[in-house]
C-alpha atoms as a PDB file:
ATOM      1  CA  MET A   1      10.231  46.543  51.526  1.00  0.00           C
ATOM      2  CA  ALA A   2      13.767  46.711  49.768  1.00  0.00           C
ATOM      3  CA  GLY A   3      15.604  50.053  49.968  1.00  0.00           C
ATOM      4  CA  HIS A   4      17.259  49.382  46.750  1.00  0.00           C
ATOM      5  CA  SER A   5      14.069  49.149  44.956  1.00  0.00           C
ATOM      6  CA  LYS A   6      12.614  52.485  46.402  1.00  0.00           C
ATOM      7  CA  TRP A   7      16.061  53.967  45.268  1.00  0.00           C
ATOM      8  CA  HIS A   8      15.624  52.687  41.814  1.00  0.00           C
ATOM      9  CA  ASN A   9      11.910  54.195  41.760  1.00  0.00           C
ATOM     10  CA  ILE A  10      13.605  57.658  42.988  1.00  0.00           C
ATOM     11  CA  GLN A  11      16.035  57.385  40.551  1.00  0.00           C
ATOM     12  CA  HIS A  12      13.352  56.869  37.585  1.00  0.00           C
ATOM     13  CA  ARG A  13      11.174  59.739  38.783  1.00  0.00           C
ATOM     14  CA  LYS A  14      14.065  62.000  38.814  1.00  0.00           C
ATOM     15  CA  GLY A  15      14.998  61.207  35.405  1.00  0.00           C
ATOM     16  CA  ARG A  16      18.547  60.161  35.862  1.00  0.00           C
ATOM     17  CA  GLN A  17      18.424  58.469  32.713  1.00  0.00           C
ATOM     18  CA  ASP A  18      17.856  61.551  30.545  1.00  0.00           C
ATOM     19  CA  ALA A  19      21.445  62.596  31.104  1.00  0.00           C
ATOM     20  CA  LYS A  20      22.554  59.417  29.543  1.00  0.00           C
ATOM     21  CA  LYS A  21      20.324  59.228  26.466  1.00  0.00           C
ATOM     22  CA  GLY A  22      23.168  57.921  23.945  1.00  0.00           C
ATOM     23  CA  LYS A  23      23.980  55.007  26.480  1.00  0.00           C
ATOM     24  CA  ILE A  24      20.441  54.133  26.856  1.00  0.00           C
ATOM     25  CA  PHE A  25      19.849  54.016  23.129  1.00  0.00           C
ATOM     26  CA  THR A  26      22.963  51.535  22.939  1.00  0.00           C
ATOM     27  CA  LYS A  27      21.449  49.316  25.814  1.00  0.00           C
ATOM     28  CA  VAL A  28      18.144  48.978  24.139  1.00  0.00           C
ATOM     29  CA  THR A  29      19.483  48.489  20.879  1.00  0.00           C
ATOM     30  CA  LYS A  30      21.631  45.835  22.145  1.00  0.00           C
ATOM     31  CA  GLU A  31      18.724  43.958  23.896  1.00  0.00           C
ATOM     32  CA  ILE A  32      16.718  44.087  20.543  1.00  0.00           C
ATOM     33  CA  PHE A  33      19.452  42.432  18.959  1.00  0.00           C
ATOM     34  CA  LEU A  34      19.918  39.785  21.372  1.00  0.00           C
ATOM     35  CA  ALA A  35      16.351  38.983  21.775  1.00  0.00           C
ATOM     36  CA  ALA A  36      15.780  38.609  17.946  1.00  0.00           C
ATOM     37  CA  ARG A  37      19.108  36.571  17.924  1.00  0.00           C
ATOM     38  CA  THR A  38      17.799  34.150  20.701  1.00  0.00           C
ATOM     39  CA  GLY A  39      13.916  33.950  19.720  1.00  0.00           C
ATOM     40  CA  GLY A  40      13.537  35.083  16.276  1.00  0.00           C
ATOM     41  CA  GLY A  41      12.379  38.537  14.846  1.00  0.00           C
ATOM     42  CA  ASP A  42       8.713  38.274  15.257  1.00  0.00           C
ATOM     43  CA  PRO A  43       7.704  40.021  18.702  1.00  0.00           C
ATOM     44  CA  GLY A  44       4.134  38.249  18.404  1.00  0.00           C
ATOM     45  CA  ALA A  45       6.187  34.870  19.070  1.00  0.00           C
ATOM     46  CA  ASN A  46       9.016  36.142  21.202  1.00  0.00           C
ATOM     47  CA  ASN A  47       7.984  37.746  24.263  1.00  0.00           C
ATOM     48  CA  ARG A  48      11.651  39.035  25.235  1.00  0.00           C
ATOM     49  CA  LEU A  49      11.780  40.807  21.786  1.00  0.00           C
ATOM     50  CA  ARG A  50       8.392  42.444  22.556  1.00  0.00           C
ATOM     51  CA  SER A  51       9.535  43.738  25.774  1.00  0.00           C
ATOM     52  CA  ALA A  52      12.598  45.127  24.433  1.00  0.00           C
ATOM     53  CA  ILE A  53      10.614  46.823  21.618  1.00  0.00           C
ATOM     54  CA  ASP A  54       8.463  48.452  24.207  1.00  0.00           C
ATOM     55  CA  ALA A  55      11.413  49.589  26.115  1.00  0.00           C
ATOM     56  CA  ALA A  56      13.163  50.994  22.953  1.00  0.00           C
ATOM     57  CA  LYS A  57       9.879  52.848  22.245  1.00  0.00           C
ATOM     58  CA  ALA A  58       9.689  54.258  25.683  1.00  0.00           C
ATOM     59  CA  VAL A  59      12.781  56.097  25.529  1.00  0.00           C
ATOM     60  CA  ASN A  60      11.868  56.946  21.769  1.00  0.00           C
ATOM     61  CA  LEU A  61      14.357  55.035  19.877  1.00  0.00           C
ATOM     62  CA  PRO A  62      13.698  55.821  16.112  1.00  0.00           C
ATOM     63  CA  LYS A  63      11.599  53.013  14.325  1.00  0.00           C
ATOM     64  CA  ASP A  64      14.568  52.548  11.832  1.00  0.00           C
ATOM     65  CA  LYS A  65      17.038  51.860  14.409  1.00  0.00           C
ATOM     66  CA  ILE A  66      14.580  49.180  15.978  1.00  0.00           C
ATOM     67  CA  GLU A  67      14.025  47.414  12.796  1.00  0.00           C
ATOM     68  CA  THR A  68      17.909  47.422  11.932  1.00  0.00           C
ATOM     69  CA  ALA A  69      18.442  45.912  15.304  1.00  0.00           C
ATOM     70  CA  ILE A  70      16.057  43.288  14.712  1.00  0.00           C
ATOM     71  CA  LYS A  71      17.510  42.232  11.427  1.00  0.00           C
ATOM     72  CA  LYS A  72      20.935  42.156  12.613  1.00  0.00           C
ATOM     73  CA  GLY A  73      19.754  39.911  15.250  1.00  0.00           C
ATOM     74  CA  THR A  74      18.306  37.748  12.710  1.00  0.00           C
ATOM     75  CA  GLY A  75      21.213  37.691  10.714  1.00  0.00           C
ATOM     76  CA  GLU A  76      19.280  39.559   7.498  1.00  0.00           C
ATOM     77  CA  LEU A  77      22.119  42.252   8.075  1.00  0.00           C
ATOM     78  CA  ALA A  78      25.606  41.769   9.076  1.00  0.00           C
ATOM     79  CA  SER A  79      26.520  42.676  12.489  1.00  0.00           C
ATOM     80  CA  GLU A  80      29.359  42.713  14.985  1.00  0.00           C
ATOM     81  CA  SER A  81      29.628  39.412  17.239  1.00  0.00           C
ATOM     82  CA  ILE A  82      27.952  40.449  20.622  1.00  0.00           C
ATOM     83  CA  ASP A  83      28.163  37.969  23.561  1.00  0.00           C
ATOM     84  CA  GLU A  84      25.582  37.980  26.453  1.00  0.00           C
ATOM     85  CA  VAL A  85      27.429  37.350  29.673  1.00  0.00           C
ATOM     86  CA  PHE A  86      26.656  37.582  33.572  1.00  0.00           C
ATOM     87  CA  TYR A  87      29.285  38.455  36.068  1.00  0.00           C
ATOM     88  CA  GLU A  88      28.705  37.656  39.669  1.00  0.00           C
ATOM     89  CA  GLY A  89      30.202  39.283  43.005  1.00  0.00           C
ATOM     90  CA  TYR A  90      30.156  41.131  46.014  1.00  0.00           C
ATOM     91  CA  GLY A  91      29.783  44.793  46.682  1.00  0.00           C
ATOM     92  CA  PRO A  92      30.544  46.750  50.186  1.00  0.00           C
ATOM     93  CA  GLY A  93      28.896  45.025  53.066  1.00  0.00           C
ATOM     94  CA  GLY A  94      28.708  41.709  51.231  1.00  0.00           C
ATOM     95  CA  ALA A  95      25.764  42.730  48.856  1.00  0.00           C
ATOM     96  CA  ALA A  96      25.283  40.372  46.036  1.00  0.00           C
ATOM     97  CA  MET A  97      26.097  42.336  42.697  1.00  0.00           C
ATOM     98  CA  LEU A  98      24.661  40.285  39.405  1.00  0.00           C
ATOM     99  CA  VAL A  99      25.661  42.093  36.305  1.00  0.00           C
ATOM    100  CA  GLU A 100      24.281  41.336  32.849  1.00  0.00           C
ATOM    101  CA  ALA A 101      26.401  42.472  29.992  1.00  0.00           C
ATOM    102  CA  ALA A 102      26.639  42.529  26.245  1.00  0.00           C
ATOM    103  CA  THR A 103      30.044  42.660  24.843  1.00  0.00           C
ATOM    104  CA  ASP A 104      32.231  42.290  21.653  1.00  0.00           C
ATOM    105  CA  ASN A 105      35.295  41.430  23.963  1.00  0.00           C
ATOM    106  CA  LYS A 106      34.736  39.161  27.269  1.00  0.00           C
ATOM    107  CA  ASN A 107      38.431  39.391  28.264  1.00  0.00           C
ATOM    108  CA  ARG A 108      38.253  43.256  28.430  1.00  0.00           C
ATOM    109  CA  THR A 109      34.565  43.487  30.076  1.00  0.00           C
ATOM    110  CA  VAL A 110      35.367  40.901  32.622  1.00  0.00           C
ATOM    111  CA  ALA A 111      38.581  42.911  33.554  1.00  0.00           C
ATOM    112  CA  GLU A 112      36.852  46.216  33.909  1.00  0.00           C
ATOM    113  CA  ILE A 113      33.957  44.678  35.899  1.00  0.00           C
ATOM    114  CA  ARG A 114      36.410  43.095  38.124  1.00  0.00           C
ATOM    115  CA  HIS A 115      38.332  46.244  38.477  1.00  0.00           C
ATOM    116  CA  LEU A 116      35.289  48.182  39.436  1.00  0.00           C
ATOM    117  CA  LEU A 117      34.081  45.879  42.119  1.00  0.00           C
ATOM    118  CA  SER A 118      37.546  45.514  43.561  1.00  0.00           C
ATOM    119  CA  LYS A 119      38.070  49.517  43.620  1.00  0.00           C
ATOM    120  CA  SER A 120      34.644  49.766  45.700  1.00  0.00           C
ATOM    121  CA  GLY A 121      35.971  47.251  48.271  1.00  0.00           C
ATOM    122  CA  GLY A 122      33.859  44.325  46.715  1.00  0.00           C
ATOM    123  CA  SER A 123      35.252  41.402  44.689  1.00  0.00           C
ATOM    124  CA  MET A 124      34.152  39.287  41.612  1.00  0.00           C
ATOM    125  CA  GLY A 125      32.987  35.665  42.237  1.00  0.00           C
ATOM    126  CA  GLU A 126      32.524  32.291  40.819  1.00  0.00           C
ATOM    127  CA  SER A 127      29.683  31.635  38.461  1.00  0.00           C
ATOM    128  CA  GLY A 128      26.546  30.791  40.381  1.00  0.00           C
ATOM    129  CA  CYS A 129      27.605  32.433  43.532  1.00  0.00           C
ATOM    130  CA  VAL A 130      24.898  34.983  43.899  1.00  0.00           C
ATOM    131  CA  ALA A 131      22.629  34.166  40.878  1.00  0.00           C
ATOM    132  CA  TRP A 132      20.652  31.826  43.140  1.00  0.00           C
ATOM    133  CA  MET A 133      19.815  34.810  45.476  1.00  0.00           C
ATOM    134  CA  PHE A 134      17.302  36.361  42.701  1.00  0.00           C
ATOM    135  CA  ASP A 135      14.272  35.268  40.768  1.00  0.00           C
ATOM    136  CA  ASN A 136      13.677  36.263  37.190  1.00  0.00           C
ATOM    137  CA  MET A 137      10.288  38.117  37.162  1.00  0.00           C
ATOM    138  CA  GLY A 138       8.101  40.557  35.507  1.00  0.00           C
ATOM    139  CA  VAL A 139       7.498  43.822  37.659  1.00  0.00           C
ATOM    140  CA  LEU A 140       5.311  46.703  37.060  1.00  0.00           C
ATOM    141  CA  SER A 141       5.170  49.536  39.545  1.00  0.00           C
ATOM    142  CA  PHE A 142       2.052  51.877  40.279  1.00  0.00           C
ATOM    143  CA  GLU A 143       1.799  55.039  42.210  1.00  0.00           C
ATOM    144  CA  LYS A 144      -0.130  54.391  45.348  1.00  0.00           C
ATOM    145  CA  GLU A 145      -1.356  58.106  45.177  1.00  0.00           C
ATOM    146  CA  THR A 146      -3.136  56.930  41.934  1.00  0.00           C
ATOM    147  CA  TYR A 147      -4.334  53.330  42.522  1.00  0.00           C
ATOM    148  CA  GLY A 148      -5.544  51.197  45.477  1.00  0.00           C
ATOM    149  CA  GLU A 149      -4.054  47.563  45.759  1.00  0.00           C
ATOM    150  CA  GLU A 150      -7.450  46.035  45.041  1.00  0.00           C
ATOM    151  CA  GLU A 151      -7.700  47.797  41.792  1.00  0.00           C
ATOM    152  CA  ILE A 152      -4.375  46.808  40.605  1.00  0.00           C
ATOM    153  CA  PHE A 153      -4.764  43.293  41.570  1.00  0.00           C
ATOM    154  CA  GLU A 154      -8.250  42.727  39.968  1.00  0.00           C
ATOM    155  CA  ALA A 155      -7.218  44.012  36.820  1.00  0.00           C
ATOM    156  CA  GLY A 156      -4.256  41.888  36.336  1.00  0.00           C
ATOM    157  CA  LEU A 157      -5.426  38.472  37.809  1.00  0.00           C
ATOM    158  CA  GLU A 158      -6.555  36.838  35.069  1.00  0.00           C
ATOM    159  CA  ALA A 159      -3.581  37.907  33.138  1.00  0.00           C
ATOM    160  CA  GLY A 160      -1.349  36.067  35.592  1.00  0.00           C
ATOM    161  CA  VAL A 161      -0.535  38.605  38.276  1.00  0.00           C
ATOM    162  CA  GLU A 162       1.137  36.333  41.131  1.00  0.00           C
ATOM    163  CA  ASP A 163       1.703  39.204  43.765  1.00  0.00           C
ATOM    164  CA  ILE A 164       1.598  42.761  44.658  1.00  0.00           C
ATOM    165  CA  ILE A 165       4.219  44.085  47.026  1.00  0.00           C
ATOM    166  CA  ASP A 166       4.046  47.231  49.046  1.00  0.00           C
ATOM    167  CA  ASP A 167       7.216  48.958  48.013  1.00  0.00           C
ATOM    168  CA  GLY A 168       6.989  52.313  49.637  1.00  0.00           C
ATOM    169  CA  GLU A 169       5.392  54.750  47.381  1.00  0.00           C
ATOM    170  CA  VAL A 170       4.452  52.395  44.940  1.00  0.00           C
ATOM    171  CA  TRP A 171       2.398  48.981  44.693  1.00  0.00           C
ATOM    172  CA  GLN A 172       4.799  46.505  42.795  1.00  0.00           C
ATOM    173  CA  VAL A 173       3.015  43.875  40.874  1.00  0.00           C
ATOM    174  CA  ARG A 174       4.814  40.493  40.038  1.00  0.00           C
ATOM    175  CA  CYS A 175       4.435  37.794  37.556  1.00  0.00           C
ATOM    176  CA  ALA A 176       6.221  35.168  35.610  1.00  0.00           C
ATOM    177  CA  PRO A 177       8.434  36.563  32.854  1.00  0.00           C
ATOM    178  CA  GLU A 178       6.508  34.420  30.313  1.00  0.00           C
ATOM    179  CA  ASN A 179       3.314  36.395  31.426  1.00  0.00           C
ATOM    180  CA  PHE A 180       4.766  39.665  31.493  1.00  0.00           C
ATOM    181  CA  ALA A 181       3.651  40.820  28.057  1.00  0.00           C
ATOM    182  CA  ASP A 182       0.005  39.953  28.728  1.00  0.00           C
ATOM    183  CA  VAL A 183      -0.095  41.381  31.911  1.00  0.00           C
ATOM    184  CA  LYS A 184       1.517  44.626  30.555  1.00  0.00           C
ATOM    185  CA  LYS A 185      -1.306  44.494  27.968  1.00  0.00           C
ATOM    186  CA  VAL A 186      -4.226  44.217  30.355  1.00  0.00           C
ATOM    187  CA  TYR A 187      -3.009  47.182  32.163  1.00  0.00           C
ATOM    188  CA  ASP A 188      -2.491  49.051  29.055  1.00  0.00           C
ATOM    189  CA  ASP A 189      -5.915  48.142  27.739  1.00  0.00           C
ATOM    190  CA  ALA A 190      -7.395  49.250  31.112  1.00  0.00           C
ATOM    191  CA  GLY A 191      -5.790  52.633  31.085  1.00  0.00           C
ATOM    192  CA  LEU A 192      -3.760  52.027  34.371  1.00  0.00           C
ATOM    193  CA  LYS A 193      -0.596  53.797  34.102  1.00  0.00           C
ATOM    194  CA  TYR A 194       2.491  52.096  35.322  1.00  0.00           C
ATOM    195  CA  VAL A 195       5.758  53.918  36.650  1.00  0.00           C
ATOM    196  CA  GLU A 196       7.915  51.272  35.090  1.00  0.00           C
ATOM    197  CA  ALA A 197       7.474  47.840  33.603  1.00  0.00           C
ATOM    198  CA  MET A 198      10.258  45.234  32.944  1.00  0.00           C
ATOM    199  CA  VAL A 199      11.388  41.854  33.435  1.00  0.00           C
ATOM    200  CA  THR A 200      14.214  41.785  36.041  1.00  0.00           C
ATOM    201  CA  MET A 201      16.060  39.921  38.636  1.00  0.00           C
ATOM    202  CA  VAL A 202      14.099  40.408  42.088  1.00  0.00           C
ATOM    203  CA  PRO A 203      16.350  39.367  45.262  1.00  0.00           C
ATOM    204  CA  LYS A 204      14.890  36.691  47.274  1.00  0.00           C
ATOM    205  CA  ASN A 205      15.965  38.480  50.430  1.00  0.00           C
ATOM    206  CA  THR A 206      17.772  41.776  51.267  1.00  0.00           C
ATOM    207  CA  VAL A 207      21.068  42.945  53.246  1.00  0.00           C
ATOM    208  CA  GLN A 208      20.471  45.784  55.336  1.00  0.00           C
ATOM    209  CA  VAL A 209      23.472  48.072  55.089  1.00  0.00           C
ATOM    210  CA  ASP A 210      24.344  51.549  56.949  1.00  0.00           C
ATOM    211  CA  VAL A 211      24.656  54.992  55.730  1.00  0.00           C
ATOM    212  CA  GLU A 212      28.217  54.722  54.811  1.00  0.00           C
ATOM    213  CA  THR A 213      28.121  51.434  53.225  1.00  0.00           C
ATOM    214  CA  GLY A 214      25.070  52.471  51.224  1.00  0.00           C
ATOM    215  CA  HIS A 215      26.790  55.539  49.705  1.00  0.00           C
ATOM    216  CA  LYS A 216      29.247  53.202  48.466  1.00  0.00           C
ATOM    217  CA  LEU A 217      27.031  50.745  47.114  1.00  0.00           C
ATOM    218  CA  ILE A 218      25.157  53.399  45.252  1.00  0.00           C
ATOM    219  CA  LYS A 219      28.554  54.668  43.755  1.00  0.00           C
ATOM    220  CA  LEU A 220      29.380  51.282  42.562  1.00  0.00           C
ATOM    221  CA  TYR A 221      26.039  50.419  41.196  1.00  0.00           C
ATOM    222  CA  GLU A 222      26.172  53.593  39.297  1.00  0.00           C
ATOM    223  CA  ALA A 223      29.698  53.018  37.936  1.00  0.00           C
ATOM    224  CA  LEU A 224      28.891  49.687  36.737  1.00  0.00           C
ATOM    225  CA  ASP A 225      25.468  50.980  35.320  1.00  0.00           C
ATOM    226  CA  ASP A 226      27.432  53.552  33.163  1.00  0.00           C
ATOM    227  CA  HIS A 227      29.959  51.066  31.766  1.00  0.00           C
ATOM    228  CA  ASP A 228      29.315  50.766  27.780  1.00  0.00           C
ATOM    229  CA  ASP A 229      28.910  47.062  28.040  1.00  0.00           C
ATOM    230  CA  VAL A 230      26.586  46.649  30.970  1.00  0.00           C
ATOM    231  CA  GLN A 231      22.934  46.083  30.308  1.00  0.00           C
ATOM    232  CA  ASN A 232      21.443  45.648  33.689  1.00  0.00           C
ATOM    233  CA  VAL A 233      22.858  45.822  37.629  1.00  0.00           C
ATOM    234  CA  TYR A 234      20.835  43.681  40.117  1.00  0.00           C
ATOM    235  CA  SER A 235      21.701  43.849  43.652  1.00  0.00           C
ATOM    236  CA  ASN A 236      20.119  43.111  46.885  1.00  0.00           C
ATOM    237  CA  PHE A 237      20.934  45.922  49.386  1.00  0.00           C
ATOM    238  CA  ASP A 238      18.389  47.685  51.490  1.00  0.00           C
ATOM    239  CA  LEU A 239      19.050  51.360  51.772  1.00  0.00           C
ATOM    240  CA  PRO A 240      18.545  53.066  55.130  1.00  0.00           C
ATOM    241  CA  ASP A 241      15.859  55.679  55.397  1.00  0.00           C
ATOM    242  CA  GLU A 242      18.337  58.279  55.771  1.00  0.00           C
ATOM    243  CA  ILE A 243      19.908  57.784  52.579  1.00  0.00           C
ATOM    244  CA  LEU A 244      16.472  57.588  50.650  1.00  0.00           C
ATOM    245  CA  LYS A 245      15.335  60.683  52.369  1.00  0.00           C
ATOM    246  CA  GLU A 246      18.441  62.524  50.981  1.00  0.00           C
ATOM    247  CA  LEU A 247      17.856  61.207  47.527  1.00  0.00           C
ATOM    248  CA  GLN A 248      14.084  62.417  47.565  1.00  0.00           C
ATOM    249  CA  ASP A 249      14.996  65.995  48.727  1.00  0.00           C
END
């Protein structure tokens, strides 16, 4: 069970994102733009766009802003030039850091990401140095207090659920990215409420870190996540129980 995943769930429940509503709006708007640009403006034929719109609605992004982002992505409306890029490197303790960004100035963004990594005692790496350590998967989390493993599995089996992971206080349902929209719809139609649902990068293996290193990694992760150009941050660190307990108190 990955301590990083548990920490992410704790963050979600405590509502850390509420304090950054403006940045969250920017992130979901960029994702809608990129999804529409790469796969077209029809969410029925573009799973990435459908997921992006769902994420935008979950944070209450106004409908007109969703529509504007789609039109900018398809070229119906003029927009600034935004590039989707991935940066790879290492944090304290050798933890892999995979940073997904959307930027209008790649030179500026890479310099700032490199600085954040270096400042924490980490380093920027070559393209491909850590990406191979992750699998792109659809993930939905359900609280154990509410649902049993068998109930969750049976509900999503025919829609393409591949596995269910015991992740502390939640069951983590995993599926292929192309099946994510269908799996999510099955759970929605069944009335089963998930804590979180997203297409994300899941580490194949995790790195156990000590308390001191864990605190450094959390600080680095949050600094990267707070960067204006960063869409998502993925890592493979496994936090010790001592830190997880601190965060839950």
